[in-house]
């Protein structure tokens, strides 16, 4: 795990003037585990998935509320591609600099296109790991929206 991606996320927060807090906790892999250790509802988490487009090979980040699934058919339509899949753990680590379970919604090793399901903004605040399985950020949703705007994220309907 690299702390470089954690610093990238924190820099993005600060650049947007976001109000956030950090929480250290036991290592987590799943969204359910993360919600449990944070003491929050599953729907308040943001699940960042690394998606691999087959041709031309490209990777994107798709963010949905942690209690939802990504509709890959909708992602294909939005990106106007024929074939995509969820990246393998090895691919996710190589592309983002983070292990599966710690991939943040933004601030990755490589500059990746970011898609955000609009229902991420239905909460007063959101939580997610920021590049490490043992560190989460809690951020007001209005501030997270500003951060995503500065990252030029595409806000759309992509959950099932």
C-alpha atoms as a PDB file:
ATOM      1  CA  UNK A   1       0.000   0.000   0.000  1.00  0.00           C
ATOM      2  CA  UNK A   2       1.195   3.428  -0.855  1.00  0.00           C
ATOM      3  CA  UNK A   3       0.481   6.469   1.237  1.00  0.00           C
ATOM      4  CA  UNK A   4       0.969   8.574  -1.906  1.00  0.00           C
ATOM      5  CA  UNK A   5      -2.643   8.005  -2.935  1.00  0.00           C
ATOM      6  CA  UNK A   6      -3.830   8.947   0.562  1.00  0.00           C
ATOM      7  CA  UNK A   7      -1.952  12.228   0.201  1.00  0.00           C
ATOM      8  CA  UNK A   8      -3.496  12.794  -3.240  1.00  0.00           C
ATOM      9  CA  UNK A   9      -6.991  12.412  -1.771  1.00  0.00           C
ATOM     10  CA  UNK A  10      -6.187  14.775   1.099  1.00  0.00           C
ATOM     11  CA  UNK A  11      -4.746  17.323  -1.330  1.00  0.00           C
ATOM     12  CA  UNK A  12      -7.931  17.125  -3.440  1.00  0.00           C
ATOM     13  CA  UNK A  13     -10.012  17.719  -0.293  1.00  0.00           C
ATOM     14  CA  UNK A  14      -7.914  20.703   0.751  1.00  0.00           C
ATOM     15  CA  UNK A  15      -7.874  22.202  -2.755  1.00  0.00           C
ATOM     16  CA  UNK A  16     -11.687  22.103  -2.804  1.00  0.00           C
ATOM     17  CA  UNK A  17     -11.892  23.574   0.703  1.00  0.00           C
ATOM     18  CA  UNK A  18     -13.655  20.434   1.935  1.00  0.00           C
ATOM     19  CA  UNK A  19     -14.569  19.785   5.562  1.00  0.00           C
ATOM     20  CA  UNK A  20     -13.510  16.238   6.420  1.00  0.00           C
ATOM     21  CA  UNK A  21     -12.277  14.027   9.234  1.00  0.00           C
ATOM     22  CA  UNK A  22     -10.051  10.950   9.168  1.00  0.00           C
ATOM     23  CA  UNK A  23     -10.515   7.770  11.143  1.00  0.00           C
ATOM     24  CA  UNK A  24      -7.969   5.029  11.693  1.00  0.00           C
ATOM     25  CA  UNK A  25      -9.446   1.572  12.184  1.00  0.00           C
ATOM     26  CA  UNK A  26      -8.778  -2.126  11.836  1.00  0.00           C
ATOM     27  CA  UNK A  27      -8.066  -3.288   8.272  1.00  0.00           C
ATOM     28  CA  UNK A  28     -11.203  -3.806   6.181  1.00  0.00           C
ATOM     29  CA  UNK A  29     -11.809  -5.435   2.822  1.00  0.00           C
ATOM     30  CA  UNK A  30     -15.550  -5.177   2.253  1.00  0.00           C
ATOM     31  CA  UNK A  31     -17.958  -2.261   2.384  1.00  0.00           C
ATOM     32  CA  UNK A  32     -19.919  -4.048   5.119  1.00  0.00           C
ATOM     33  CA  UNK A  33     -16.792  -4.388   7.261  1.00  0.00           C
ATOM     34  CA  UNK A  34     -15.962  -0.736   6.675  1.00  0.00           C
ATOM     35  CA  UNK A  35     -19.429   0.450   7.738  1.00  0.00           C
ATOM     36  CA  UNK A  36     -19.194  -1.698  10.875  1.00  0.00           C
ATOM     37  CA  UNK A  37     -15.813  -0.314  11.995  1.00  0.00           C
ATOM     38  CA  UNK A  38     -16.837   3.254  11.139  1.00  0.00           C
ATOM     39  CA  UNK A  39     -20.129   2.917  13.024  1.00  0.00           C
ATOM     40  CA  UNK A  40     -22.098   4.168  10.026  1.00  0.00           C
ATOM     41  CA  UNK A  41     -24.774   2.918   7.664  1.00  0.00           C
ATOM     42  CA  UNK A  42     -23.676   0.927   4.622  1.00  0.00           C
ATOM     43  CA  UNK A  43     -25.396   3.403   2.281  1.00  0.00           C
ATOM     44  CA  UNK A  44     -23.177   6.219   3.628  1.00  0.00           C
ATOM     45  CA  UNK A  45     -20.091   4.538   2.212  1.00  0.00           C
ATOM     46  CA  UNK A  46     -18.790   5.088  -1.299  1.00  0.00           C
ATOM     47  CA  UNK A  47     -17.684   1.954  -3.137  1.00  0.00           C
ATOM     48  CA  UNK A  48     -15.018   2.677  -5.768  1.00  0.00           C
ATOM     49  CA  UNK A  49     -14.712  -0.011  -8.428  1.00  0.00           C
ATOM     50  CA  UNK A  50     -11.944  -0.221 -10.983  1.00  0.00           C
ATOM     51  CA  UNK A  51     -13.474  -1.039 -14.363  1.00  0.00           C
ATOM     52  CA  UNK A  52     -11.437  -2.261 -17.327  1.00  0.00           C
ATOM     53  CA  UNK A  53     -12.550  -1.357 -20.826  1.00  0.00           C
ATOM     54  CA  UNK A  54     -11.432  -4.074 -23.247  1.00  0.00           C
ATOM     55  CA  UNK A  55     -10.820  -2.173 -26.511  1.00  0.00           C
ATOM     56  CA  UNK A  56      -9.033   0.098 -26.414  1.00  0.00           C
ATOM     57  CA  UNK A  57      -7.718  -1.025 -23.046  1.00  0.00           C
ATOM     58  CA  UNK A  58      -8.478   1.678 -20.526  1.00  0.00           C
ATOM     59  CA  UNK A  59      -9.445   1.820 -16.855  1.00  0.00           C
ATOM     60  CA  UNK A  60     -12.059   3.983 -15.159  1.00  0.00           C
ATOM     61  CA  UNK A  61     -13.294   4.384 -11.589  1.00  0.00           C
ATOM     62  CA  UNK A  62     -16.995   3.887 -10.955  1.00  0.00           C
ATOM     63  CA  UNK A  63     -18.359   5.108  -7.612  1.00  0.00           C
ATOM     64  CA  UNK A  64     -21.667   3.952  -6.139  1.00  0.00           C
ATOM     65  CA  UNK A  65     -23.189   3.931  -2.663  1.00  0.00           C
ATOM     66  CA  UNK A  66     -21.706   0.973  -0.784  1.00  0.00           C
ATOM     67  CA  UNK A  67     -25.107  -0.709  -0.461  1.00  0.00           C
ATOM     68  CA  UNK A  68     -25.613  -0.755  -4.241  1.00  0.00           C
ATOM     69  CA  UNK A  69     -24.237  -2.675  -7.206  1.00  0.00           C
ATOM     70  CA  UNK A  70     -22.875  -1.224 -10.405  1.00  0.00           C
ATOM     71  CA  UNK A  71     -24.964  -1.777 -13.511  1.00  0.00           C
ATOM     72  CA  UNK A  72     -22.229  -2.622 -16.027  1.00  0.00           C
ATOM     73  CA  UNK A  73     -24.674  -2.343 -18.939  1.00  0.00           C
ATOM     74  CA  UNK A  74     -25.331   1.282 -17.999  1.00  0.00           C
ATOM     75  CA  UNK A  75     -21.593   1.927 -17.652  1.00  0.00           C
ATOM     76  CA  UNK A  76     -21.073   0.521 -21.168  1.00  0.00           C
ATOM     77  CA  UNK A  77     -23.759   2.845 -22.507  1.00  0.00           C
ATOM     78  CA  UNK A  78     -22.367   5.895 -20.715  1.00  0.00           C
ATOM     79  CA  UNK A  79     -18.830   5.201 -21.938  1.00  0.00           C
ATOM     80  CA  UNK A  80     -20.042   4.072 -25.382  1.00  0.00           C
ATOM     81  CA  UNK A  81     -17.990   0.860 -25.322  1.00  0.00           C
ATOM     82  CA  UNK A  82     -18.808  -2.741 -26.177  1.00  0.00           C
ATOM     83  CA  UNK A  83     -16.829  -4.717 -23.609  1.00  0.00           C
ATOM     84  CA  UNK A  84     -15.800  -4.046 -20.033  1.00  0.00           C
ATOM     85  CA  UNK A  85     -15.257  -5.946 -16.825  1.00  0.00           C
ATOM     86  CA  UNK A  86     -14.280  -5.355 -13.226  1.00  0.00           C
ATOM     87  CA  UNK A  87     -10.476  -5.177 -13.005  1.00  0.00           C
ATOM     88  CA  UNK A  88      -8.592  -7.969 -11.299  1.00  0.00           C
ATOM     89  CA  UNK A  89      -7.010  -7.159  -7.915  1.00  0.00           C
ATOM     90  CA  UNK A  90      -3.590  -7.097  -9.601  1.00  0.00           C
ATOM     91  CA  UNK A  91      -4.808  -4.677 -12.298  1.00  0.00           C
ATOM     92  CA  UNK A  92      -6.500  -2.475  -9.689  1.00  0.00           C
ATOM     93  CA  UNK A  93      -3.277  -2.239  -7.675  1.00  0.00           C
ATOM     94  CA  UNK A  94      -1.180  -1.477 -10.762  1.00  0.00           C
ATOM     95  CA  UNK A  95      -3.559   1.198 -12.082  1.00  0.00           C
ATOM     96  CA  UNK A  96      -4.594   2.917  -8.839  1.00  0.00           C
ATOM     97  CA  UNK A  97      -1.666   2.229  -6.527  1.00  0.00           C
ATOM     98  CA  UNK A  98      -4.150   0.784  -4.019  1.00  0.00           C
ATOM     99  CA  UNK A  99      -5.203  -2.700  -3.018  1.00  0.00           C
ATOM    100  CA  UNK A 100      -8.810  -3.775  -3.506  1.00  0.00           C
ATOM    101  CA  UNK A 101     -10.649  -2.669  -0.371  1.00  0.00           C
ATOM    102  CA  UNK A 102      -8.693   0.567  -0.123  1.00  0.00           C
ATOM    103  CA  UNK A 103      -9.306   2.132  -3.554  1.00  0.00           C
ATOM    104  CA  UNK A 104     -10.620   5.675  -3.000  1.00  0.00           C
ATOM    105  CA  UNK A 105     -13.177   7.374  -5.274  1.00  0.00           C
ATOM    106  CA  UNK A 106     -10.431   9.733  -6.532  1.00  0.00           C
ATOM    107  CA  UNK A 107      -6.721  10.480  -6.139  1.00  0.00           C
ATOM    108  CA  UNK A 108      -5.264   7.454  -7.889  1.00  0.00           C
ATOM    109  CA  UNK A 109      -1.731   6.728  -9.060  1.00  0.00           C
ATOM    110  CA  UNK A 110      -2.833   7.254 -12.669  1.00  0.00           C
ATOM    111  CA  UNK A 111      -5.162   9.987 -13.851  1.00  0.00           C
ATOM    112  CA  UNK A 112      -8.376   8.016 -14.430  1.00  0.00           C
ATOM    113  CA  UNK A 113     -11.822   8.975 -15.668  1.00  0.00           C
ATOM    114  CA  UNK A 114     -14.222   9.024 -12.707  1.00  0.00           C
ATOM    115  CA  UNK A 115     -17.923   8.172 -12.855  1.00  0.00           C
ATOM    116  CA  UNK A 116     -20.157   8.824  -9.845  1.00  0.00           C
ATOM    117  CA  UNK A 117     -23.661   7.526  -9.372  1.00  0.00           C
ATOM    118  CA  UNK A 118     -25.878  10.479  -8.494  1.00  0.00           C
ATOM    119  CA  UNK A 119     -27.318   8.690  -5.436  1.00  0.00           C
ATOM    120  CA  UNK A 120     -23.934   9.033  -3.710  1.00  0.00           C
ATOM    121  CA  UNK A 121     -25.179  12.554  -2.951  1.00  0.00           C
ATOM    122  CA  UNK A 122     -28.346  11.385  -1.145  1.00  0.00           C
ATOM    123  CA  UNK A 123     -26.591  11.335   2.253  1.00  0.00           C
ATOM    124  CA  UNK A 124     -25.571  14.217   4.508  1.00  0.00           C
ATOM    125  CA  UNK A 125     -22.041  12.788   4.538  1.00  0.00           C
ATOM    126  CA  UNK A 126     -20.052  10.009   2.899  1.00  0.00           C
ATOM    127  CA  UNK A 127     -17.236   7.766   4.070  1.00  0.00           C
ATOM    128  CA  UNK A 128     -14.624   5.763   2.208  1.00  0.00           C
ATOM    129  CA  UNK A 129     -11.127   4.363   2.511  1.00  0.00           C
ATOM    130  CA  UNK A 130      -8.484   6.693   1.149  1.00  0.00           C
ATOM    131  CA  UNK A 131      -5.789   4.428  -0.227  1.00  0.00           C
ATOM    132  CA  UNK A 132      -5.260   2.330   2.877  1.00  0.00           C
ATOM    133  CA  UNK A 133      -7.429  -0.401   4.396  1.00  0.00           C
ATOM    134  CA  UNK A 134      -6.959   1.190   7.827  1.00  0.00           C
ATOM    135  CA  UNK A 135      -7.838   4.844   7.138  1.00  0.00           C
ATOM    136  CA  UNK A 136     -11.221   6.292   6.171  1.00  0.00           C
ATOM    137  CA  UNK A 137     -12.372   9.807   5.439  1.00  0.00           C
ATOM    138  CA  UNK A 138     -15.734  11.237   6.431  1.00  0.00           C
ATOM    139  CA  UNK A 139     -16.761  14.196   4.294  1.00  0.00           C
ATOM    140  CA  UNK A 140     -19.897  16.291   3.980  1.00  0.00           C
ATOM    141  CA  UNK A 141     -21.680  15.344   0.786  1.00  0.00           C
ATOM    142  CA  UNK A 142     -21.839  18.952  -0.401  1.00  0.00           C
ATOM    143  CA  UNK A 143     -18.043  19.110  -0.097  1.00  0.00           C
ATOM    144  CA  UNK A 144     -17.576  15.737  -1.806  1.00  0.00           C
ATOM    145  CA  UNK A 145     -19.588  17.066  -4.732  1.00  0.00           C
ATOM    146  CA  UNK A 146     -17.165  20.030  -4.992  1.00  0.00           C
ATOM    147  CA  UNK A 147     -14.200  17.653  -4.889  1.00  0.00           C
ATOM    148  CA  UNK A 148     -15.662  15.520  -7.682  1.00  0.00           C
ATOM    149  CA  UNK A 149     -16.385  18.630  -9.758  1.00  0.00           C
ATOM    150  CA  UNK A 150     -12.747  19.717  -9.459  1.00  0.00           C
ATOM    151  CA  UNK A 151     -11.738  16.202 -10.562  1.00  0.00           C
ATOM    152  CA  UNK A 152     -14.054  16.558 -13.597  1.00  0.00           C
ATOM    153  CA  UNK A 153     -16.014  13.474 -12.556  1.00  0.00           C
ATOM    154  CA  UNK A 154     -19.048  12.466 -14.588  1.00  0.00           C
ATOM    155  CA  UNK A 155     -22.196  12.343 -12.428  1.00  0.00           C
ATOM    156  CA  UNK A 156     -24.723   9.830 -13.817  1.00  0.00           C
ATOM    157  CA  UNK A 157     -27.122   6.940 -13.056  1.00  0.00           C
ATOM    158  CA  UNK A 158     -25.076   3.734 -12.803  1.00  0.00           C
ATOM    159  CA  UNK A 159     -26.395   1.663  -9.907  1.00  0.00           C
ATOM    160  CA  UNK A 160     -28.722  -1.327 -10.059  1.00  0.00           C
END
